[in-house]
Protein backbone atom coordinates (compact mmCIF):
# COMPACT_ATOMS: atom_id res chain seq x y z
CA UNK A 1 19.04 49.90 79.82
CA UNK A 2 21.77 48.10 77.85
CA UNK A 3 23.06 51.44 76.52
CA UNK A 4 23.26 52.79 80.10
CA UNK A 5 25.24 49.73 81.24
CA UNK A 6 27.67 50.05 78.34
CA UNK A 7 28.17 53.76 79.06
CA UNK A 8 28.75 53.00 82.77
CA UNK A 9 31.29 50.29 81.94
CA UNK A 10 33.10 52.61 79.54
CA UNK A 11 33.17 55.38 82.16
CA UNK A 12 34.62 53.00 84.77
CA UNK A 13 37.28 51.82 82.32
CA UNK A 14 38.31 55.39 81.53
CA UNK A 15 38.38 56.26 85.25
CA UNK A 16 40.63 53.24 85.89
CA UNK A 17 42.98 54.25 83.10
CA UNK A 18 43.21 57.84 84.30
CA UNK A 19 43.92 56.69 87.88
CA UNK A 20 46.66 54.39 86.61
CA UNK A 21 48.66 57.42 85.55
CA UNK A 22 48.21 59.13 88.93
CA UNK A 23 48.81 56.27 91.35
CA UNK A 24 52.21 54.73 91.89
CA UNK A 25 52.49 51.80 94.25
CA UNK A 26 56.07 51.55 95.52
CA UNK A 27 59.16 52.75 93.73
CA UNK A 28 60.87 51.40 90.67
CA UNK A 29 61.22 47.64 90.87
CA UNK A 30 64.78 46.40 91.47
CA UNK A 31 66.54 44.65 88.62
CA UNK A 32 66.95 41.52 90.74
CA UNK A 33 65.25 39.96 93.76
CA UNK A 34 67.25 37.64 96.03
CA UNK A 35 66.07 34.60 97.91
CA UNK A 36 67.91 31.99 99.92
CA UNK A 37 67.68 28.46 98.58
CA UNK A 38 68.73 25.47 100.70
CA UNK A 39 71.63 23.36 99.51
CA UNK A 40 70.43 20.62 101.89
CA UNK A 41 66.74 19.80 101.91
CA UNK A 42 64.69 16.68 102.54
CA UNK A 43 64.09 14.47 99.52
CA UNK A 44 60.65 14.46 97.97
CA UNK A 45 58.51 12.03 99.93
CA UNK A 46 60.68 12.18 103.06
CA UNK A 47 58.67 12.02 106.26
CA UNK A 48 59.15 13.01 109.86
CA UNK A 49 56.90 12.13 112.74
CA UNK A 50 56.62 12.60 116.44
CA UNK A 51 54.67 14.49 119.03
CA UNK A 52 54.25 18.18 118.28
CA UNK A 53 55.08 18.85 121.91
CA UNK A 54 58.56 17.34 121.36
CA UNK A 55 59.30 19.00 118.00
CA UNK A 56 62.31 21.21 117.43
CA UNK A 57 61.05 24.78 116.91
CA UNK A 58 63.03 27.08 114.62
CA UNK A 59 62.17 30.66 115.54
CA UNK A 60 62.56 33.69 113.29
CA UNK A 61 65.74 35.37 114.46
CA UNK A 62 65.90 38.99 115.45
CA UNK A 63 67.98 41.16 113.14
CA UNK A 64 70.18 44.21 113.38
CA UNK A 65 68.54 47.31 111.90
CA UNK A 66 70.78 47.29 108.80
CA UNK A 67 69.66 43.71 108.03
CA UNK A 68 65.99 44.07 108.96
CA UNK A 69 65.12 45.60 105.58
CA UNK A 70 64.67 44.28 102.05
CA UNK A 71 67.81 45.99 100.77
CA UNK A 72 71.29 44.44 100.82
CA UNK A 73 73.62 46.33 103.19
CA UNK A 74 77.20 47.25 102.35
CA UNK A 75 79.55 47.72 105.32
CA UNK A 76 81.93 50.55 104.53
CA UNK A 77 84.93 52.11 106.25
CA UNK A 78 84.27 53.91 109.50
CA UNK A 79 81.23 51.80 110.32
CA UNK A 80 79.10 53.42 107.62
CA UNK A 81 76.39 51.44 105.88
CA UNK A 82 75.11 51.88 102.33
CA UNK A 83 72.84 49.64 100.26
CA UNK A 84 73.46 47.94 96.92
CA UNK A 85 71.51 49.41 94.03
CA UNK A 86 69.20 47.45 91.73
CA UNK A 87 68.90 44.51 94.12
CA UNK A 88 66.60 43.61 97.00
CA UNK A 89 65.42 40.62 99.01
CA UNK A 90 62.16 38.96 98.06
CA UNK A 91 61.41 38.61 101.82
CA UNK A 92 63.04 39.80 105.05
CA UNK A 93 66.48 38.15 105.40
CA UNK A 94 65.75 36.94 108.95
CA UNK A 95 62.58 35.18 107.80
CA UNK A 96 64.42 33.60 104.86
CA UNK A 97 67.22 32.43 107.16
CA UNK A 98 64.61 30.81 109.45
CA UNK A 99 63.24 28.83 106.47
CA UNK A 100 66.75 27.89 105.31
CA UNK A 101 67.80 26.68 108.77
CA UNK A 102 64.59 24.65 109.17
CA UNK A 103 65.09 22.97 105.78
CA UNK A 104 68.73 22.22 106.60
CA UNK A 105 67.67 20.62 109.90
CA UNK A 106 64.90 18.63 108.19
CA UNK A 107 67.45 17.24 105.73
CA UNK A 108 69.36 15.64 108.62
CA UNK A 109 66.83 12.92 109.32
CA UNK A 110 63.41 12.14 110.66
CA UNK A 111 63.28 14.61 113.55
CA UNK A 112 60.13 16.71 113.51
CA UNK A 113 61.08 20.35 112.83
CA UNK A 114 58.52 23.15 112.92
CA UNK A 115 58.86 26.85 112.23
CA UNK A 116 57.62 29.52 114.58
CA UNK A 117 56.84 29.74 118.26
CA UNK A 118 54.36 26.89 118.43
CA UNK A 119 53.15 25.25 121.61
CA UNK A 120 56.00 22.76 121.71
CA UNK A 121 57.88 21.64 124.79
CA UNK A 122 60.91 20.58 122.76
CA UNK A 123 64.10 22.50 122.06
CA UNK A 124 63.78 25.97 120.55
CA UNK A 125 66.39 27.47 118.25
CA UNK A 126 66.57 31.18 117.53
CA UNK A 127 69.02 34.00 117.76
CA UNK A 128 69.99 37.22 116.07
CA UNK A 129 71.07 37.81 112.47
CA UNK A 130 73.91 40.31 112.80
CA UNK A 131 75.05 40.50 109.19
CA UNK A 132 73.81 39.35 105.81
CA UNK A 133 75.37 41.63 103.26
CA UNK A 134 78.51 42.84 101.56
CA UNK A 135 81.74 43.97 103.24
CA UNK A 136 83.48 46.58 101.10
CA UNK A 137 86.92 46.33 102.77
CA UNK A 138 87.30 42.60 102.14
CA UNK A 139 85.12 42.41 99.00
CA UNK A 140 83.20 39.61 100.69
CA UNK A 141 79.64 38.46 101.20
CA UNK A 142 79.20 37.95 104.95
CA UNK A 143 76.59 36.15 107.06
CA UNK A 144 76.94 36.37 110.86
CA UNK A 145 74.43 34.75 113.21
CA UNK A 146 74.30 34.60 117.01
CA UNK A 147 72.44 31.33 117.60
CA UNK A 148 70.62 30.39 120.77
CA UNK A 149 69.24 27.02 121.73
CA UNK A 150 66.88 26.65 124.67
CA UNK A 151 66.08 23.29 126.25
CA UNK A 152 62.70 22.51 127.81
CA UNK A 153 64.29 22.56 131.30
CA UNK A 154 65.26 26.24 130.87
CA UNK A 155 68.94 25.82 130.01
CA UNK A 156 70.18 28.14 127.26
CA UNK A 157 73.34 28.06 125.17
CA UNK A 158 74.54 30.61 122.61
CA UNK A 159 77.18 30.52 119.92
CA UNK A 160 78.27 32.87 117.11
CA UNK A 161 78.54 31.54 113.56
CA UNK A 162 80.01 33.37 110.60
CA UNK A 163 80.89 32.57 107.03
CA UNK A 164 82.21 34.83 104.30
CA UNK A 165 82.78 34.37 100.60
CA UNK A 166 85.73 36.51 99.44
CA UNK A 167 86.50 37.98 96.03
CA UNK A 168 82.96 39.12 95.28
CA UNK A 169 82.17 42.14 93.12
CA UNK A 170 79.65 44.60 94.56
CA UNK A 171 77.09 43.63 91.91
CA UNK A 172 73.79 41.84 92.46
CA UNK A 173 74.60 38.93 90.16
CA UNK A 174 77.74 38.23 92.24
CA UNK A 175 76.54 39.14 95.73
CA UNK A 176 73.31 37.12 95.60
CA UNK A 177 74.88 33.67 95.00
CA UNK A 178 77.69 34.46 97.46
CA UNK A 179 75.19 35.36 100.21
CA UNK A 180 73.27 32.17 99.49
CA UNK A 181 76.49 30.16 99.80
CA UNK A 182 77.45 31.89 103.07
CA UNK A 183 73.96 31.49 104.56
CA UNK A 184 73.92 27.77 103.72
CA UNK A 185 77.34 27.32 105.34
CA UNK A 186 76.12 29.03 108.52
CA UNK A 187 72.91 26.96 108.56
CA UNK A 188 74.98 23.76 108.19
CA UNK A 189 77.25 24.80 111.06
CA UNK A 190 74.24 25.57 113.27
CA UNK A 191 72.70 22.19 112.40
CA UNK A 192 76.00 20.46 113.33
CA UNK A 193 76.02 22.35 116.63
CA UNK A 194 72.49 21.22 117.41
CA UNK A 195 73.46 17.61 116.80
């Protein structure tokens, strides 16, 4: 019985090894993965309280097709779009921007801020991420966001925010920090607009 179990285990191990050479999950991993990190975040131990119904809801923004992928877009002449090699986002840029904006808002004080379309009656903030990538003509990292705030009474207001960081080489180690800087500047401006 023991010999049969050992032979079965050995056969399974060999089968697993042979499959490993045949199966490829995804393509070659990028050299670098980007994530947005907040420059303004609540201090450890900071609290916020209130009724969930009155919380500020930060929604995941919609995104243009060129931004709704894990690759970093490059705007080229004539409206063409390419993607930077050897670099990708760790998560969808729109989702990361939602987290960044929520953290920036939380850093402003004790207002209760939640992420997602929860059952709140408070103000909702969302919008559309139009650009989060590299502009070849200006050698800049660019973040452009059409923000929308909706009050509980149905009123809606929109505003476009944009920030660019010039003088950036089209390399992952330069573009990543520049995009993080631009995204934080936009999130700060949106938080100022919300009051």
